[in-house]
Amino acid sequence: MPRQRYNRYEKARILGARALQVSYGAPVLIETDQTEPILVAAEEYDADALPFTVKRGKE
């Protein structure tokens, strides 16, 4: 399945939500040396490891 394309607002929302999860102790989905939750979330996003989808209007 091809990766869904996100606009900058969707990406910011996804990264923010995932960083919050990581800060509250959610398991990290990739191997990383990062300790800041936002940086962990960004690496997971870049690795296409996040299980988030975005529901849009009539698509």
PDB file of N, CA and C in Angstrom:
ATOM      1  N   MET A   1       0.841  -1.168   0.000  1.00  0.00           N
ATOM      2  CA  MET A   1       0.000   0.000   0.000  1.00  0.00           C
ATOM      3  C   MET A   1       0.891   1.239   0.000  1.00  0.00           C
ATOM      4  N   PRO A   2       0.639   2.204  -0.884  1.00  0.00           N
ATOM      5  CA  PRO A   2       1.471   3.401  -0.934  1.00  0.00           C
ATOM      6  C   PRO A   2       1.242   4.272   0.302  1.00  0.00           C
ATOM      7  N   ARG A   3       2.284   4.984   0.688  1.00  0.00           N
ATOM      8  CA  ARG A   3       2.214   5.854   1.861  1.00  0.00           C
ATOM      9  C   ARG A   3       1.299   7.028   1.570  1.00  0.00           C
ATOM     10  N   GLN A   4       0.407   7.317   2.525  1.00  0.00           N
ATOM     11  CA  GLN A   4      -0.493   8.455   2.377  1.00  0.00           C
ATOM     12  C   GLN A   4       0.302   9.745   2.483  1.00  0.00           C
ATOM     13  N   ARG A   5      -0.013  10.719   1.652  1.00  0.00           N
ATOM     14  CA  ARG A   5       0.662  12.018   1.699  1.00  0.00           C
ATOM     15  C   ARG A   5      -0.081  12.919   2.672  1.00  0.00           C
ATOM     16  N   TYR A   6       0.671  13.567   3.551  1.00  0.00           N
ATOM     17  CA  TYR A   6       0.074  14.458   4.543  1.00  0.00           C
ATOM     18  C   TYR A   6       0.511  15.889   4.282  1.00  0.00           C
ATOM     19  N   ASN A   7      -0.392  16.839   4.516  1.00  0.00           N
ATOM     20  CA  ASN A   7       0.021  18.234   4.414  1.00  0.00           C
ATOM     21  C   ASN A   7       0.689  18.646   5.728  1.00  0.00           C
ATOM     22  N   ARG A   8       1.194  19.842   5.809  1.00  0.00           N
ATOM     23  CA  ARG A   8       1.993  20.238   6.979  1.00  0.00           C
ATOM     24  C   ARG A   8       1.181  20.243   8.271  1.00  0.00           C
ATOM     25  N   TYR A   9      -0.108  20.524   8.192  1.00  0.00           N
ATOM     26  CA  TYR A   9      -0.945  20.556   9.395  1.00  0.00           C
ATOM     27  C   TYR A   9      -1.215  19.139   9.902  1.00  0.00           C
ATOM     28  N   GLU A  10      -1.470  18.237   8.983  1.00  0.00           N
ATOM     29  CA  GLU A  10      -1.678  16.838   9.362  1.00  0.00           C
ATOM     30  C   GLU A  10      -0.398  16.253   9.963  1.00  0.00           C
ATOM     31  N   LYS A  11       0.730  16.556   9.352  1.00  0.00           N
ATOM     32  CA  LYS A  11       2.003  16.054   9.866  1.00  0.00           C
ATOM     33  C   LYS A  11       2.269  16.595  11.273  1.00  0.00           C
ATOM     34  N   ALA A  12       2.020  17.868  11.488  1.00  0.00           N
ATOM     35  CA  ALA A  12       2.225  18.461  12.811  1.00  0.00           C
ATOM     36  C   ALA A  12       1.320  17.799  13.841  1.00  0.00           C
ATOM     37  N   ARG A  13       0.088  17.520  13.484  1.00  0.00           N
ATOM     38  CA  ARG A  13      -0.855  16.881  14.409  1.00  0.00           C
ATOM     39  C   ARG A  13      -0.415  15.463  14.734  1.00  0.00           C
ATOM     40  N   ILE A  14       0.025  14.728  13.730  1.00  0.00           N
ATOM     41  CA  ILE A  14       0.498  13.353  13.931  1.00  0.00           C
ATOM     42  C   ILE A  14       1.732  13.338  14.832  1.00  0.00           C
ATOM     43  N   LEU A  15       2.702  14.194  14.528  1.00  0.00           N
ATOM     44  CA  LEU A  15       3.925  14.235  15.330  1.00  0.00           C
ATOM     45  C   LEU A  15       3.633  14.653  16.768  1.00  0.00           C
ATOM     46  N   GLY A  16       2.755  15.615  16.938  1.00  0.00           N
ATOM     47  CA  GLY A  16       2.404  16.058  18.285  1.00  0.00           C
ATOM     48  C   GLY A  16       1.706  14.972  19.084  1.00  0.00           C
ATOM     49  N   ALA A  17       0.779  14.279  18.449  1.00  0.00           N
ATOM     50  CA  ALA A  17       0.061  13.201  19.133  1.00  0.00           C
ATOM     51  C   ALA A  17       1.012  12.072  19.508  1.00  0.00           C
ATOM     52  N   ARG A  18       1.899  11.716  18.595  1.00  0.00           N
ATOM     53  CA  ARG A  18       2.841  10.628  18.875  1.00  0.00           C
ATOM     54  C   ARG A  18       3.849  11.035  19.937  1.00  0.00           C
ATOM     55  N   ALA A  19       4.323  12.275  19.912  1.00  0.00           N
ATOM     56  CA  ALA A  19       5.260  12.745  20.932  1.00  0.00           C
ATOM     57  C   ALA A  19       4.610  12.694  22.314  1.00  0.00           C
ATOM     58  N   LEU A  20       3.347  13.045  22.396  1.00  0.00           N
ATOM     59  CA  LEU A  20       2.632  12.970  23.663  1.00  0.00           C
ATOM     60  C   LEU A  20       2.551  11.526  24.152  1.00  0.00           C
ATOM     61  N   GLN A  21       2.249  10.609  23.244  1.00  0.00           N
ATOM     62  CA  GLN A  21       2.204   9.194  23.617  1.00  0.00           C
ATOM     63  C   GLN A  21       3.556   8.731  24.160  1.00  0.00           C
ATOM     64  N   VAL A  22       4.626   9.078  23.454  1.00  0.00           N
ATOM     65  CA  VAL A  22       5.968   8.666  23.877  1.00  0.00           C
ATOM     66  C   VAL A  22       6.311   9.279  25.232  1.00  0.00           C
ATOM     67  N   SER A  23       5.943  10.534  25.438  1.00  0.00           N
ATOM     68  CA  SER A  23       6.253  11.192  26.714  1.00  0.00           C
ATOM     69  C   SER A  23       5.520  10.539  27.879  1.00  0.00           C
ATOM     70  N   TYR A  24       4.384   9.917  27.616  1.00  0.00           N
ATOM     71  CA  TYR A  24       3.629   9.213  28.652  1.00  0.00           C
ATOM     72  C   TYR A  24       4.020   7.744  28.770  1.00  0.00           C
ATOM     73  N   GLY A  25       5.078   7.328  28.063  1.00  0.00           N
ATOM     74  CA  GLY A  25       5.616   5.991  28.254  1.00  0.00           C
ATOM     75  C   GLY A  25       5.242   4.958  27.210  1.00  0.00           C
ATOM     76  N   ALA A  26       4.661   5.366  26.102  1.00  0.00           N
ATOM     77  CA  ALA A  26       4.338   4.402  25.045  1.00  0.00           C
ATOM     78  C   ALA A  26       5.627   3.808  24.482  1.00  0.00           C
ATOM     79  N   PRO A  27       5.593   2.549  24.076  1.00  0.00           N
ATOM     80  CA  PRO A  27       6.814   1.961  23.526  1.00  0.00           C
ATOM     81  C   PRO A  27       7.227   2.636  22.220  1.00  0.00           C
ATOM     82  N   VAL A  28       8.521   2.792  22.042  1.00  0.00           N
ATOM     83  CA  VAL A  28       9.068   3.392  20.817  1.00  0.00           C
ATOM     84  C   VAL A  28       9.092   2.304  19.745  1.00  0.00           C
ATOM     85  N   LEU A  29       8.678   2.658  18.545  1.00  0.00           N
ATOM     86  CA  LEU A  29       8.482   1.676  17.477  1.00  0.00           C
ATOM     87  C   LEU A  29       9.715   1.409  16.627  1.00  0.00           C
ATOM     88  N   ILE A  30      10.787   2.172  16.840  1.00  0.00           N
ATOM     89  CA  ILE A  30      12.008   1.998  16.058  1.00  0.00           C
ATOM     90  C   ILE A  30      13.215   2.050  16.994  1.00  0.00           C
ATOM     91  N   GLU A  31      14.347   1.618  16.492  1.00  0.00           N
ATOM     92  CA  GLU A  31      15.605   1.771  17.231  1.00  0.00           C
ATOM     93  C   GLU A  31      16.101   3.197  17.020  1.00  0.00           C
ATOM     94  N   THR A  32      16.334   3.917  18.128  1.00  0.00           N
ATOM     95  CA  THR A  32      16.796   5.297  18.024  1.00  0.00           C
ATOM     96  C   THR A  32      17.632   5.660  19.243  1.00  0.00           C
ATOM     97  N   ASP A  33      18.504   6.627  19.066  1.00  0.00           N
ATOM     98  CA  ASP A  33      19.301   7.151  20.170  1.00  0.00           C
ATOM     99  C   ASP A  33      18.672   8.412  20.750  1.00  0.00           C
ATOM    100  N   GLN A  34      17.585   8.878  20.152  1.00  0.00           N
ATOM    101  CA  GLN A  34      16.939  10.109  20.601  1.00  0.00           C
ATOM    102  C   GLN A  34      16.254   9.895  21.950  1.00  0.00           C
ATOM    103  N   THR A  35      16.202  10.960  22.745  1.00  0.00           N
ATOM    104  CA  THR A  35      15.502  10.901  24.026  1.00  0.00           C
ATOM    105  C   THR A  35      14.335  11.877  24.089  1.00  0.00           C
ATOM    106  N   GLU A  36      14.357  12.917  23.267  1.00  0.00           N
ATOM    107  CA  GLU A  36      13.252  13.871  23.231  1.00  0.00           C
ATOM    108  C   GLU A  36      12.073  13.253  22.478  1.00  0.00           C
ATOM    109  N   PRO A  37      10.882  13.265  23.074  1.00  0.00           N
ATOM    110  CA  PRO A  37       9.722  12.629  22.437  1.00  0.00           C
ATOM    111  C   PRO A  37       9.416  13.143  21.031  1.00  0.00           C
ATOM    112  N   ILE A  38       9.581  14.454  20.791  1.00  0.00           N
ATOM    113  CA  ILE A  38       9.279  14.982  19.466  1.00  0.00           C
ATOM    114  C   ILE A  38      10.274  14.472  18.431  1.00  0.00           C
ATOM    115  N   LEU A  39      11.520  14.291  18.831  1.00  0.00           N
ATOM    116  CA  LEU A  39      12.523  13.774  17.904  1.00  0.00           C
ATOM    117  C   LEU A  39      12.311  12.285  17.637  1.00  0.00           C
ATOM    118  N   VAL A  40      11.874  11.562  18.661  1.00  0.00           N
ATOM    119  CA  VAL A  40      11.525  10.150  18.473  1.00  0.00           C
ATOM    120  C   VAL A  40      10.368  10.047  17.491  1.00  0.00           C
ATOM    121  N   ALA A  41       9.346  10.876  17.694  1.00  0.00           N
ATOM    122  CA  ALA A  41       8.179  10.872  16.811  1.00  0.00           C
ATOM    123  C   ALA A  41       8.574  11.208  15.372  1.00  0.00           C
ATOM    124  N   ALA A  42       9.467  12.173  15.199  1.00  0.00           N
ATOM    125  CA  ALA A  42       9.909  12.554  13.855  1.00  0.00           C
ATOM    126  C   ALA A  42      10.658  11.407  13.175  1.00  0.00           C
ATOM    127  N   GLU A  43      11.499  10.700  13.927  1.00  0.00           N
ATOM    128  CA  GLU A  43      12.208   9.555  13.339  1.00  0.00           C
ATOM    129  C   GLU A  43      11.238   8.435  12.979  1.00  0.00           C
ATOM    130  N   GLU A  44      10.253   8.194  13.820  1.00  0.00           N
ATOM    131  CA  GLU A  44       9.249   7.177  13.516  1.00  0.00           C
ATOM    132  C   GLU A  44       8.456   7.564  12.272  1.00  0.00           C
ATOM    133  N   TYR A  45       8.120   8.833  12.147  1.00  0.00           N
ATOM    134  CA  TYR A  45       7.401   9.324  10.974  1.00  0.00           C
ATOM    135  C   TYR A  45       8.232   9.105   9.706  1.00  0.00           C
ATOM    136  N   ASP A  46       9.499   9.482   9.775  1.00  0.00           N
ATOM    137  CA  ASP A  46      10.386   9.333   8.620  1.00  0.00           C
ATOM    138  C   ASP A  46      10.587   7.867   8.244  1.00  0.00           C
ATOM    139  N   ALA A  47      10.533   6.979   9.238  1.00  0.00           N
ATOM    140  CA  ALA A  47      10.702   5.545   8.987  1.00  0.00           C
ATOM    141  C   ALA A  47       9.387   4.889   8.564  1.00  0.00           C
ATOM    142  N   ASP A  48       8.317   5.681   8.467  1.00  0.00           N
ATOM    143  CA  ASP A  48       6.992   5.177   8.093  1.00  0.00           C
ATOM    144  C   ASP A  48       6.525   4.098   9.072  1.00  0.00           C
ATOM    145  N   ALA A  49       6.797   4.310  10.356  1.00  0.00           N
ATOM    146  CA  ALA A  49       6.464   3.317  11.379  1.00  0.00           C
ATOM    147  C   ALA A  49       5.220   3.679  12.181  1.00  0.00           C
ATOM    148  N   LEU A  50       4.601   4.807  11.905  1.00  0.00           N
ATOM    149  CA  LEU A  50       3.462   5.230  12.707  1.00  0.00           C
ATOM    150  C   LEU A  50       2.156   4.674  12.151  1.00  0.00           C
ATOM    151  N   PRO A  51       1.321   4.126  13.028  1.00  0.00           N
ATOM    152  CA  PRO A  51       0.057   3.536  12.575  1.00  0.00           C
ATOM    153  C   PRO A  51      -1.090   4.550  12.535  1.00  0.00           C
ATOM    154  N   PHE A  52      -0.803   5.782  12.151  1.00  0.00           N
ATOM    155  CA  PHE A  52      -1.833   6.812  12.078  1.00  0.00           C
ATOM    156  C   PHE A  52      -2.365   6.913  10.647  1.00  0.00           C
ATOM    157  N   THR A  53      -3.646   7.186  10.535  1.00  0.00           N
ATOM    158  CA  THR A  53      -4.260   7.532   9.251  1.00  0.00           C
ATOM    159  C   THR A  53      -5.040   8.819   9.445  1.00  0.00           C
ATOM    160  N   VAL A  54      -5.250   9.521   8.365  1.00  0.00           N
ATOM    161  CA  VAL A  54      -6.001  10.769   8.416  1.00  0.00           C
ATOM    162  C   VAL A  54      -7.250  10.596   7.575  1.00  0.00           C
ATOM    163  N   LYS A  55      -8.395  10.841   8.200  1.00  0.00           N
ATOM    164  CA  LYS A  55      -9.663  10.803   7.482  1.00  0.00           C
ATOM    165  C   LYS A  55      -9.930  12.196   6.954  1.00  0.00           C
ATOM    166  N   ARG A  56     -10.133  12.301   5.658  1.00  0.00           N
ATOM    167  CA  ARG A  56     -10.415  13.583   5.030  1.00  0.00           C
ATOM    168  C   ARG A  56     -11.857  13.598   4.565  1.00  0.00           C
ATOM    169  N   GLY A  57     -12.274  14.698   4.018  1.00  0.00           N
ATOM    170  CA  GLY A  57     -13.632  14.870   3.516  1.00  0.00           C
ATOM    171  C   GLY A  57     -14.100  13.759   2.610  1.00  0.00           C
ATOM    172  N   LYS A  58     -14.577  14.087   1.462  1.00  0.00           N
ATOM    173  CA  LYS A  58     -15.157  13.103   0.532  1.00  0.00           C
ATOM    174  C   LYS A  58     -14.120  12.522  -0.390  1.00  0.00           C
ATOM    175  N   GLU A  59     -13.281  11.667   0.139  1.00  0.00           N
ATOM    176  CA  GLU A  59     -12.274  10.986  -0.697  1.00  0.00           C
ATOM    177  C   GLU A  59     -12.604   9.537  -0.820  1.00  0.00           C
TER     178      GLU A  59
END
